[in-house]
Amino acid sequence: MSIAPRLQALLGRVSPRRSIRARLTLIGTTVLVGGLAIGAFAFVQLLENRLLANLDQTLLTQAVDRAVAIESGADPATVIATIDQESAIAISDAAGTVLASRGVDDPTQLTDLTPGTNDTRTIDFLEEEEHAGEENEVERYEVRTAAASSGGTIVTVASKLEDVDRTLGDAGQLLAIGIPFIAVAGAALFWTVSGRSLRPVERLRTDAQAIADIGTGGRVQQPTSSDEIGNLARTLNDMLERLDAGAAALRRFVSDSSHEIRSPITNIRARVETTSEDDWLDARAD
């Protein structure tokens, strides 16, 4: 099945009472919005995967560096002090015993991760207060974790996903604002382009109506292009020429017939008018 019948069937199902221009605009805008929505979803997914991949690589590098430092003789308490306040760290041995931790209220929430892997989980994040004597706050956060081991020491580093969520939220807001704007601009473009494309068809309709009003002899305006509209105009002019030729032939036939019939009718009328009552039966028989 070719594209033209499919498009015609689709136009027939979509708002059949509307004009073709309106239906084309509606279909084009719907397809545009659908494509933009799919593209936006794919973009957000790709952006999220890229952000998580970069974060995973950063966390894994931090975990490896600290595990190697501890194996080289660094004090675990000193190692955990190098972690920033937006991250958490837990250091344990091969038996699972926690050697040091920072930024997590319960270190066992981080010690079950397999070295060399990444994971997303929710932990009780420990917010350390800057002033001495103030009680540290504990809040639950979704974090991304990475673990590395070296010499029997396992280091797990976790970072909040707030930055990732914020970036995805900003991207989502931009898309939410941009997609309707692009949809409106696309609808205006579809309306303009479809109107210009259908303008020759309206011109043909106007010419055909004028020819129907004045009778034979007229022709539709034929564009110079060789596209479908030009072919339609040439076909209409050929049809009008054949119709004019047929009408002329019919007029000649009627004229010739009336001339041929006029003489016999005149003779019959003269015979009837001049026949006496005694000869009427013979005249009627003739």
Protein backbone atom coordinates (compact mmCIF):
# COMPACT_ATOMS: atom_id res chain seq x y z
CA MET A 1 0.00 0.00 0.00
CA SER A 2 1.49 3.36 -1.06
CA ILE A 3 1.84 6.40 1.16
CA ALA A 4 -0.85 8.49 -0.59
CA PRO A 5 -3.80 6.15 0.21
CA ARG A 6 -2.55 5.82 3.78
CA LEU A 7 -2.37 9.60 4.17
CA GLN A 8 -5.81 9.98 2.61
CA ALA A 9 -7.25 7.37 4.98
CA LEU A 10 -5.59 9.09 7.93
CA LEU A 11 -6.94 12.47 6.89
CA GLY A 12 -10.40 10.93 6.60
CA ARG A 13 -10.26 9.64 10.17
CA VAL A 14 -8.80 12.78 11.75
CA SER A 15 -11.45 15.50 12.18
CA PRO A 16 -13.28 14.76 8.91
CA ARG A 17 -15.30 17.99 9.24
CA ARG A 18 -12.19 20.15 9.28
CA SER A 19 -10.34 21.39 6.23
CA ILE A 20 -7.43 19.47 4.78
CA ARG A 21 -5.14 22.31 5.88
CA ALA A 22 -6.32 22.01 9.48
CA ARG A 23 -6.03 18.23 9.43
CA LEU A 24 -2.53 18.33 7.96
CA THR A 25 -1.51 20.83 10.64
CA LEU A 26 -3.05 18.68 13.36
CA ILE A 27 -1.33 15.52 12.14
CA GLY A 28 2.02 17.25 11.63
CA THR A 29 1.91 18.87 15.07
CA THR A 30 0.94 15.59 16.72
CA VAL A 31 3.80 13.76 15.04
CA LEU A 32 6.19 16.59 15.97
CA VAL A 33 5.15 16.58 19.63
CA GLY A 34 5.37 12.78 19.76
CA GLY A 35 8.86 12.85 18.26
CA LEU A 36 9.96 15.59 20.63
CA ALA A 37 8.59 13.69 23.62
CA ILE A 38 10.41 10.51 22.61
CA GLY A 39 13.58 12.47 21.93
CA ALA A 40 13.33 14.27 25.27
CA PHE A 41 12.86 11.00 27.13
CA ALA A 42 15.84 9.46 25.35
CA PHE A 43 17.94 12.55 26.03
CA VAL A 44 17.14 12.50 29.76
CA GLN A 45 17.96 8.80 29.93
CA LEU A 46 21.27 9.30 28.12
CA LEU A 47 22.10 12.29 30.31
CA GLU A 48 21.32 10.32 33.47
CA ASN A 49 23.46 7.38 32.31
CA ARG A 50 26.33 9.73 31.44
CA LEU A 51 26.16 11.57 34.76
CA LEU A 52 26.05 8.30 36.70
CA ALA A 53 28.94 6.90 34.66
CA ASN A 54 31.07 9.96 35.41
CA LEU A 55 30.13 9.83 39.09
CA ASP A 56 30.88 6.10 39.25
CA GLN A 57 34.31 6.65 37.75
CA THR A 58 35.06 9.45 40.22
CA LEU A 59 33.92 7.41 43.24
CA LEU A 60 35.81 4.32 42.12
CA THR A 61 38.99 6.37 41.68
CA GLN A 62 38.57 7.83 45.17
CA ALA A 63 38.01 4.38 46.67
CA VAL A 64 41.04 2.89 44.91
CA ASP A 65 43.32 5.77 45.93
CA ARG A 66 42.33 5.49 49.58
CA ALA A 67 42.59 1.69 49.62
CA VAL A 68 46.10 1.90 48.18
CA ALA A 69 47.04 4.60 50.72
CA ILE A 70 45.88 2.41 53.61
CA GLU A 71 47.80 -0.55 52.24
CA SER A 72 50.88 1.69 52.10
CA GLY A 73 50.52 2.35 55.83
CA ALA A 74 48.26 5.38 56.00
CA ASP A 75 46.04 5.68 59.06
CA PRO A 76 42.34 4.99 58.22
CA ALA A 77 41.34 7.90 60.47
CA THR A 78 43.52 10.20 58.41
CA VAL A 79 42.20 8.78 55.14
CA ILE A 80 38.53 9.41 55.98
CA ALA A 81 39.34 13.03 56.83
CA THR A 82 40.09 13.68 53.15
CA ILE A 83 36.49 12.99 52.09
CA ASP A 84 34.26 16.03 51.47
CA GLN A 85 31.14 16.71 53.50
CA GLU A 86 28.81 15.77 50.63
CA SER A 87 30.23 12.24 50.59
CA ALA A 88 30.45 9.32 52.97
CA ILE A 89 33.14 6.68 53.45
CA ALA A 90 33.42 3.37 55.28
CA ILE A 91 36.63 1.35 55.69
CA SER A 92 36.44 -2.31 56.69
CA ASP A 93 38.61 -5.38 56.66
CA ALA A 94 37.98 -8.65 54.84
CA ALA A 95 35.92 -9.93 57.79
CA GLY A 96 33.57 -6.99 57.55
CA THR A 97 34.77 -5.21 60.66
CA VAL A 98 34.44 -1.45 60.31
CA LEU A 99 37.79 0.25 60.82
CA ALA A 100 36.69 3.84 60.26
CA SER A 101 33.82 5.76 58.75
CA ARG A 102 32.59 9.25 58.09
CA GLY A 103 29.35 10.75 56.81
CA VAL A 104 27.19 7.66 57.50
CA ASP A 105 25.32 6.99 60.72
CA ASP A 106 25.46 3.20 60.30
CA PRO A 107 28.66 2.12 58.47
CA THR A 108 27.25 -1.35 57.81
CA GLN A 109 25.00 0.27 55.22
CA LEU A 110 28.12 0.63 53.05
CA THR A 111 30.25 -2.40 53.91
CA ASP A 112 28.26 -4.99 51.92
CA LEU A 113 29.22 -3.67 48.50
CA THR A 114 31.41 -5.91 46.34
CA PRO A 115 34.77 -4.25 45.49
CA GLY A 116 34.95 -2.94 41.94
CA THR A 117 31.18 -2.39 41.62
CA ASN A 118 28.80 0.54 41.91
CA ASP A 119 25.35 0.72 43.44
CA THR A 120 22.52 3.14 44.23
CA ARG A 121 21.02 2.93 47.69
CA THR A 122 19.50 4.97 50.49
CA ILE A 123 21.58 5.48 53.63
CA ASP A 124 21.31 7.42 56.89
CA PHE A 125 23.61 10.27 55.99
CA LEU A 126 25.38 11.93 58.91
CA GLU A 127 25.52 15.71 58.57
CA GLU A 128 28.51 16.85 60.64
CA GLU A 129 28.07 20.23 62.30
CA GLU A 130 30.84 22.79 61.93
CA HIS A 131 30.74 23.99 65.57
CA ALA A 132 31.84 21.78 68.39
CA GLY A 133 29.19 20.65 70.81
CA GLU A 134 26.37 20.72 68.28
CA GLU A 135 24.61 17.43 67.61
CA ASN A 136 25.11 15.97 64.18
CA GLU A 137 21.97 15.59 62.08
CA VAL A 138 20.97 12.32 60.43
CA GLU A 139 18.97 12.40 57.22
CA ARG A 140 18.19 9.74 54.65
CA TYR A 141 19.69 10.36 51.22
CA GLU A 142 19.87 8.43 48.00
CA VAL A 143 23.54 7.95 47.20
CA ARG A 144 25.74 6.35 44.59
CA THR A 145 28.43 4.07 45.99
CA ALA A 146 31.68 2.50 44.79
CA ALA A 147 33.96 0.04 46.55
CA ALA A 148 37.60 -0.96 46.07
CA SER A 149 39.94 -3.28 47.96
CA SER A 150 43.67 -3.44 48.42
CA GLY A 151 45.63 -5.72 50.76
CA GLY A 152 42.52 -6.97 52.55
CA THR A 153 41.13 -3.49 53.19
CA ILE A 154 37.84 -2.53 51.60
CA VAL A 155 37.03 1.15 51.07
CA THR A 156 33.51 2.18 50.11
CA VAL A 157 32.80 5.76 49.04
CA ALA A 158 29.29 7.20 48.65
CA SER A 159 28.13 10.50 47.17
CA LYS A 160 24.74 12.16 47.26
CA LEU A 161 22.74 12.12 44.05
CA GLU A 162 21.50 15.66 44.62
CA ASP A 163 23.70 17.12 41.88
CA VAL A 164 22.58 14.46 39.41
CA ASP A 165 18.93 14.97 40.33
CA ARG A 166 19.34 18.75 40.10
CA THR A 167 20.90 18.52 36.65
CA LEU A 168 18.16 16.16 35.44
CA GLY A 169 15.53 18.45 36.94
CA ASP A 170 16.97 21.49 35.16
CA ALA A 171 17.10 19.56 31.88
CA GLY A 172 13.51 18.44 32.39
CA GLN A 173 12.36 22.01 33.04
CA LEU A 174 14.12 23.27 29.92
CA LEU A 175 12.51 20.52 27.86
CA ALA A 176 9.11 21.20 29.42
CA ILE A 177 9.41 24.84 28.37
CA GLY A 178 11.03 24.19 25.00
CA ILE A 179 8.76 21.42 23.70
CA PRO A 180 5.51 23.48 23.82
CA PHE A 181 7.33 26.43 22.23
CA ILE A 182 8.66 24.22 19.43
CA ALA A 183 5.22 22.62 19.05
CA VAL A 184 3.55 26.02 18.61
CA ALA A 185 6.24 27.11 16.15
CA GLY A 186 5.88 23.80 14.30
CA ALA A 187 2.09 24.15 14.12
CA ALA A 188 2.46 27.65 12.67
CA LEU A 189 4.99 26.33 10.16
CA PHE A 190 2.73 23.40 9.18
CA TRP A 191 -0.23 25.80 8.81
CA THR A 192 1.76 28.15 6.58
CA VAL A 193 3.36 25.46 4.44
CA SER A 194 0.14 23.50 3.98
CA GLY A 195 -1.71 26.71 3.09
CA ARG A 196 0.86 27.59 0.44
CA SER A 197 0.81 24.03 -0.87
CA LEU A 198 -2.99 23.99 -1.16
CA ARG A 199 -3.24 27.51 -2.64
CA PRO A 200 -2.96 26.24 -6.26
CA VAL A 201 -5.75 23.76 -5.55
CA GLU A 202 -8.00 26.59 -4.34
CA ARG A 203 -7.11 28.55 -7.49
CA LEU A 204 -8.11 25.58 -9.64
CA ARG A 205 -11.40 25.32 -7.75
CA THR A 206 -12.11 29.01 -8.28
CA ASP A 207 -11.36 28.77 -12.00
CA ALA A 208 -13.53 25.66 -12.33
CA GLN A 209 -16.41 27.44 -10.56
CA ALA A 210 -16.08 30.42 -12.90
CA ILE A 211 -16.13 28.12 -15.92
CA ALA A 212 -19.24 26.39 -14.56
CA ASP A 213 -20.95 29.78 -14.19
CA ILE A 214 -20.14 31.13 -17.68
CA GLY A 215 -20.41 27.84 -19.56
CA THR A 216 -18.02 26.45 -22.14
CA GLY A 217 -14.86 28.04 -23.49
CA GLY A 218 -12.96 28.70 -20.27
CA ARG A 219 -9.77 27.09 -19.04
CA VAL A 220 -8.19 26.81 -15.58
CA GLN A 221 -4.95 28.65 -14.93
CA GLN A 222 -2.15 26.21 -15.61
CA PRO A 223 1.00 26.59 -13.44
CA THR A 224 4.42 26.29 -14.99
CA SER A 225 5.52 23.60 -12.54
CA SER A 226 5.48 19.94 -13.48
CA ASP A 227 4.36 18.67 -10.10
CA GLU A 228 1.04 17.05 -9.17
CA ILE A 229 -0.82 20.38 -9.26
CA GLY A 230 0.50 21.14 -12.75
CA ASN A 231 -0.52 17.67 -13.94
CA LEU A 232 -3.98 18.17 -12.44
CA ALA A 233 -4.39 21.53 -14.23
CA ARG A 234 -3.33 20.04 -17.57
CA THR A 235 -5.72 17.14 -17.09
CA LEU A 236 -8.60 19.52 -16.29
CA ASN A 237 -7.86 21.63 -19.37
CA ASP A 238 -7.75 18.53 -21.57
CA MET A 239 -11.08 17.43 -20.11
CA LEU A 240 -12.60 20.90 -20.67
CA GLU A 241 -11.35 20.91 -24.25
CA ARG A 242 -12.98 17.53 -24.92
CA LEU A 243 -16.19 18.73 -23.26
CA ASP A 244 -16.20 21.86 -25.43
CA ALA A 245 -15.61 19.74 -28.54
CA GLY A 246 -18.45 17.43 -27.54
CA ALA A 247 -20.77 20.38 -26.88
CA ALA A 248 -19.91 21.91 -30.28
CA ALA A 249 -20.58 18.58 -32.00
CA LEU A 250 -23.91 18.34 -30.19
CA ARG A 251 -24.89 21.86 -31.29
CA ARG A 252 -24.02 21.03 -34.93
CA PHE A 253 -26.07 17.84 -34.68
CA VAL A 254 -29.06 19.71 -33.30
CA SER A 255 -28.76 22.40 -35.99
CA ASP A 256 -28.47 19.86 -38.79
CA SER A 257 -31.30 17.78 -37.41
CA SER A 258 -33.61 20.77 -37.06
CA HIS A 259 -32.86 21.78 -40.66
CA GLU A 260 -33.49 18.28 -41.96
CA ILE A 261 -36.74 17.95 -40.02
CA ARG A 262 -38.07 21.41 -40.94
CA SER A 263 -38.88 20.55 -44.61
CA PRO A 264 -40.93 17.37 -43.94
CA ILE A 265 -42.86 19.12 -41.19
CA THR A 266 -43.60 22.05 -43.50
CA ASN A 267 -44.83 19.69 -46.21
CA ILE A 268 -47.05 17.79 -43.76
CA ARG A 269 -48.50 21.02 -42.41
CA ALA A 270 -49.26 22.28 -45.92
CA ARG A 271 -50.88 18.99 -46.88
CA VAL A 272 -53.07 19.04 -43.76
CA GLU A 273 -54.10 22.63 -44.22
CA THR A 274 -54.98 22.19 -47.93
CA THR A 275 -56.72 18.82 -47.74
CA SER A 276 -60.51 18.90 -48.03
CA GLU A 277 -62.80 16.94 -45.80
CA ASP A 278 -63.45 14.40 -48.56
CA ASP A 279 -59.74 13.69 -49.04
CA TRP A 280 -58.90 13.59 -45.29
CA LEU A 281 -58.80 9.80 -45.01
CA ASP A 282 -56.29 9.51 -47.90
CA ALA A 283 -54.18 12.38 -46.51
CA ARG A 284 -54.10 10.81 -43.08
CA ALA A 285 -53.02 7.47 -44.60
CA ASP A 286 -50.19 9.24 -46.51
